Amino acid sequence: MLTVLGFAMIATFLVLIMMKKMSPIAALVLIPALFCVAVGQGAQLGDYVIEGVGKLAPTAAMLMFAIVYFGVMIDVGLFDPIVRAILRFCKADPVRVVVGTALLAAIVSLDGDGSTTFMITVSAMYPLYKRLGMSLVVMTGVAATANGVMNTLPWGGPTARAATALKLDAAD
């Protein structure tokens, strides 16, 4: 029953957001609270909020640090040599541009942070896609696919962090 309610809650805030009836932040805060009250757990709502924030705060802080850190690294040109090499490889061939996008996203995904992957990949490849009249959906799809693959490999950032936290070998 909880699974059905969970899917109903997700569908509710997705519909409200896509129909522009609520802002994403308001929907993501109010709809779960309303569902909590609707199933009779309103008295524990405060405890649930405190527990949820307590569990998510460290991850949110780490993500904010990563975005700022890699933003600075982009500004000082850390990734410029890789980007230049990939852009030299691409020239003006759309197939090579897509392959270059996948390559760049895969290299940057080694740190395991999806937001950083998109910051670097999009900022490097966007002008090339626009100049060649290529679909930006292709760019985001290829970058997301490369990021997803790299994040599930044993040497990817999330797998390495999970293995370390569980005191396991990455291959396990």
Protein backbone atom coordinates (compact mmCIF):
# COMPACT_ATOMS: atom_id res chain seq x y z
CA MET A 1 0.00 0.00 0.00
CA LEU A 2 2.84 2.38 0.81
CA THR A 3 4.33 1.74 -2.63
CA VAL A 4 1.09 2.75 -4.32
CA LEU A 5 0.89 5.88 -2.15
CA GLY A 6 4.52 6.72 -2.95
CA PHE A 7 3.92 6.48 -6.69
CA ALA A 8 0.69 8.48 -6.34
CA MET A 9 2.58 11.19 -4.45
CA ILE A 10 5.31 11.36 -7.10
CA ALA A 11 2.72 11.46 -9.89
CA THR A 12 0.83 14.22 -8.06
CA PHE A 13 3.76 16.58 -7.72
CA LEU A 14 4.99 15.82 -11.24
CA VAL A 15 1.58 16.68 -12.68
CA LEU A 16 1.33 19.85 -10.59
CA ILE A 17 4.82 20.96 -11.62
CA MET A 18 4.36 20.17 -15.33
CA MET A 19 0.97 21.89 -15.44
CA LYS A 20 2.62 24.88 -13.74
CA LYS A 21 0.11 24.81 -10.88
CA MET A 22 2.91 24.81 -8.29
CA SER A 23 6.58 25.68 -8.24
CA PRO A 24 8.92 22.69 -7.91
CA ILE A 25 10.07 23.67 -4.42
CA ALA A 26 6.53 24.16 -3.14
CA ALA A 27 5.35 20.88 -4.68
CA LEU A 28 8.29 18.91 -3.29
CA VAL A 29 7.61 20.27 0.20
CA LEU A 30 3.81 20.46 0.39
CA ILE A 31 2.68 17.33 -1.46
CA PRO A 32 4.64 14.85 0.71
CA ALA A 33 3.41 16.71 3.81
CA LEU A 34 -0.20 16.44 2.60
CA PHE A 35 0.21 12.74 1.84
CA CYS A 36 1.72 12.22 5.30
CA VAL A 37 -1.34 13.86 6.89
CA ALA A 38 -3.69 11.93 4.56
CA VAL A 39 -2.35 8.56 5.70
CA GLY A 40 -2.71 9.53 9.36
CA GLN A 41 0.93 10.24 10.16
CA GLY A 42 0.56 14.01 10.56
CA ALA A 43 1.59 13.89 14.22
CA GLN A 44 5.01 12.47 13.26
CA LEU A 45 5.55 14.92 10.38
CA GLY A 46 8.00 17.08 12.35
CA ASP A 47 10.06 14.04 13.34
CA TYR A 48 10.14 12.86 9.73
CA VAL A 49 11.30 16.27 8.53
CA ILE A 50 14.08 16.49 11.13
CA GLU A 51 15.23 12.94 10.36
CA GLY A 52 15.19 13.58 6.60
CA VAL A 53 17.10 16.84 6.84
CA GLY A 54 19.61 15.19 9.17
CA LYS A 55 20.25 12.43 6.65
CA LEU A 56 20.45 14.69 3.60
CA ALA A 57 22.39 17.66 4.99
CA PRO A 58 25.85 16.06 4.72
CA THR A 59 25.21 15.00 1.12
CA ALA A 60 23.86 18.45 0.23
CA ALA A 61 26.90 20.11 1.80
CA MET A 62 29.26 17.80 -0.12
CA LEU A 63 27.44 18.49 -3.39
CA MET A 64 27.55 22.25 -2.83
CA PHE A 65 31.28 22.03 -2.12
CA ALA A 66 31.85 19.93 -5.26
CA ILE A 67 29.99 22.41 -7.46
CA VAL A 68 31.93 25.37 -6.09
CA TYR A 69 35.25 23.49 -6.15
CA PHE A 70 34.88 22.28 -9.72
CA GLY A 71 33.53 25.67 -10.76
CA VAL A 72 36.82 27.17 -9.56
CA MET A 73 38.77 24.38 -11.29
CA ILE A 74 36.96 25.17 -14.55
CA ASP A 75 37.73 28.89 -14.14
CA VAL A 76 41.46 28.30 -13.61
CA GLY A 77 41.60 26.03 -16.67
CA LEU A 78 42.20 22.61 -15.13
CA PHE A 79 40.15 20.88 -17.81
CA ASP A 80 41.24 23.07 -20.72
CA PRO A 81 43.90 20.68 -22.09
CA ILE A 82 41.41 17.78 -22.20
CA VAL A 83 38.72 19.97 -23.75
CA ARG A 84 41.15 21.37 -26.36
CA ALA A 85 42.29 17.87 -27.34
CA ILE A 86 38.71 16.65 -27.72
CA LEU A 87 37.70 19.73 -29.72
CA ARG A 88 40.74 19.24 -32.00
CA PHE A 89 39.63 15.63 -32.54
CA CYS A 90 36.03 16.69 -33.32
CA LYS A 91 36.74 19.32 -35.99
CA ALA A 92 33.32 19.96 -37.57
CA ASP A 93 32.12 16.38 -37.98
CA PRO A 94 28.84 15.79 -36.08
CA VAL A 95 29.65 12.12 -35.42
CA ARG A 96 33.02 13.07 -33.95
CA VAL A 97 31.35 15.79 -31.88
CA VAL A 98 29.01 13.20 -30.33
CA VAL A 99 31.93 10.83 -29.68
CA GLY A 100 33.90 13.74 -28.19
CA THR A 101 30.97 14.60 -25.95
CA ALA A 102 30.85 11.01 -24.68
CA LEU A 103 34.60 10.97 -24.16
CA LEU A 104 34.66 14.27 -22.27
CA ALA A 105 31.70 13.28 -20.09
CA ALA A 106 33.28 9.91 -19.33
CA ILE A 107 36.60 11.47 -18.31
CA VAL A 108 34.97 14.08 -16.10
CA SER A 109 32.59 11.48 -14.61
CA LEU A 110 35.53 9.75 -12.95
CA ASP A 111 35.03 12.08 -9.97
CA GLY A 112 31.49 10.72 -9.57
CA ASP A 113 29.71 14.05 -9.47
CA GLY A 114 27.02 14.39 -12.14
CA SER A 115 26.62 18.13 -11.73
CA THR A 116 30.32 18.67 -12.40
CA THR A 117 30.14 16.41 -15.44
CA PHE A 118 27.38 18.52 -16.93
CA MET A 119 29.01 21.83 -15.97
CA ILE A 120 32.20 20.92 -17.83
CA THR A 121 30.68 19.00 -20.76
CA VAL A 122 27.97 21.52 -21.54
CA SER A 123 30.23 24.55 -21.18
CA ALA A 124 32.79 22.98 -23.54
CA MET A 125 30.48 21.45 -26.13
CA TYR A 126 27.52 23.86 -26.21
CA PRO A 127 29.12 26.37 -28.59
CA LEU A 128 30.13 23.59 -30.97
CA TYR A 129 26.63 22.08 -30.99
CA LYS A 130 25.08 25.50 -31.63
CA ARG A 131 27.53 26.36 -34.42
CA LEU A 132 26.91 23.03 -36.19
CA GLY A 133 23.13 23.21 -35.63
CA MET A 134 23.12 19.94 -33.70
CA SER A 135 20.42 18.97 -31.25
CA LEU A 136 21.18 19.88 -27.64
CA VAL A 137 19.09 16.88 -26.58
CA VAL A 138 21.73 14.66 -28.17
CA MET A 139 24.43 16.41 -26.13
CA THR A 140 22.60 15.98 -22.83
CA GLY A 141 21.59 12.40 -23.64
CA VAL A 142 25.12 11.36 -24.56
CA ALA A 143 26.58 13.10 -21.50
CA ALA A 144 23.99 11.49 -19.22
CA THR A 145 24.65 8.06 -20.70
CA ALA A 146 28.42 8.39 -20.30
CA ASN A 147 27.96 9.67 -16.75
CA GLY A 148 25.62 6.79 -15.89
CA VAL A 149 27.98 4.17 -17.26
CA MET A 150 31.01 5.65 -15.50
CA ASN A 151 29.14 5.87 -12.19
CA THR A 152 28.35 2.14 -12.20
CA LEU A 153 31.84 0.90 -13.02
CA PRO A 154 33.97 -0.41 -10.13
CA TRP A 155 36.42 2.50 -10.50
CA GLY A 156 33.66 5.13 -10.70
CA GLY A 157 33.28 7.64 -7.86
CA PRO A 158 29.95 6.44 -6.37
CA THR A 159 31.00 2.78 -6.44
CA ALA A 160 34.33 3.58 -4.80
CA ARG A 161 32.59 5.64 -2.08
CA ALA A 162 30.03 2.89 -1.44
CA ALA A 163 32.75 0.23 -1.27
CA THR A 164 34.76 2.35 1.15
CA ALA A 165 31.75 2.99 3.38
CA LEU A 166 30.89 -0.72 3.44
CA LYS A 167 34.55 -1.72 3.87
CA LEU A 168 34.43 -3.86 0.71
CA ASP A 169 36.61 -4.30 -2.31
CA ALA A 170 35.25 -2.38 -5.32
CA ALA A 171 34.97 -5.62 -7.29
CA ASP A 172 32.60 -7.05 -4.66
